[in-house]
Amino acid sequence: MRVLVVEDAPRLANTIAEGLRDQGIAVDLAYDGHEAAAKFNLNPYDVVVLDRDLPGIHGDTLCQLIADSEDPAMILMLTAADAPAERVSGLALGADDYLPKPFHFPELVLRVRALARRKPTAQQRTLSAGGIELDPLAGTVTRDGRAVALTAKERAVLEALLKASPAGLSAEKLLEQAWDENIDPFTNAVQVTIHRLRRKLGQPSIIRTTPGIGYQIATDRER
C-alpha cells in the first residue's frame, strides 16, 4: 500500500508518516497543495491523508482534483474543523472519510487500511495464493495453516506479491509499492527482503524469480 500524507505542519506530518511506515506502509509527504498535486500526478496512491487548510492549493480544491482524476485515490480528510457541517461539506467534495484533529493514531491506521480495502481496484481483505494467507488488517500471515512471523516491511512486500498474483512484480515495482520516494533506486533492499521472506516462509520456496518478469508467488502446480 502507498499513501500520500498532505499536511502543512511538518512535525505532525513527519509523525504520521513515521507511524504509518512502522506499520509497513509506504508513505510520501507533501507540505502544501502544489507539492501534493505534483506528487499525485507522478505516483499511484491507494490513500491520501489530506489536511484541509493547506497553503498553495487549498485542501478542498485538492480533494476535488483527486476525486475527479482518472485513477483517484481514497481520501481521508484530516482537519481540526470537526463541526457536522464541516464534515458534510468535506464528504461532498469527494472525501471518503473524515477524521478530526486531535485523533487517536491507531484509529488513523485502521481508517487508512479500511479505505485501501474499499478502493475499487482493491481485493478482498484476506489475500491468498499458493498456500499463503495474509490479513493486512490483522497483520497475520500463515502458510498451509502455519503462522509465520514477519516484519512490517516483509509483510508489505508479500502483500504486493499476493495482490499481483498470478502475475509478477519487478524489483522496481516492489520498490514503488512497498517503499516510498526516499528509497535509493539502486538499493538491494528488495533482494534482501525477498531472501528473508523465502527463508521465513520455508520450503519449498513459494517466491520464484522469473527472468523478464521479476518475482512471483508460485502456484499450487508449481510448488
Foldseek 3Di string as FASTA:
>chain_A
DEEEEEAQPVVVQVVLCVVVVQLQYAYDYHNADVRVVVVVVVAPHQEYAFEQQGPPDGRLRSQLVQQPDPQHHAYEYEYQPDDPVVQVSSVVSPHPHYDYPPDDSVVVNLVSVVSSCVRPLHDDQWFDFQQWIARSNVGWIDGVRHTFDDGSLLSQLVVVQSSQPPFAAAPQVSCRGRYYPPDDSPDCVSVVSLVVNQVRNDPPGQWDQDPPGGIHGDHNVRD
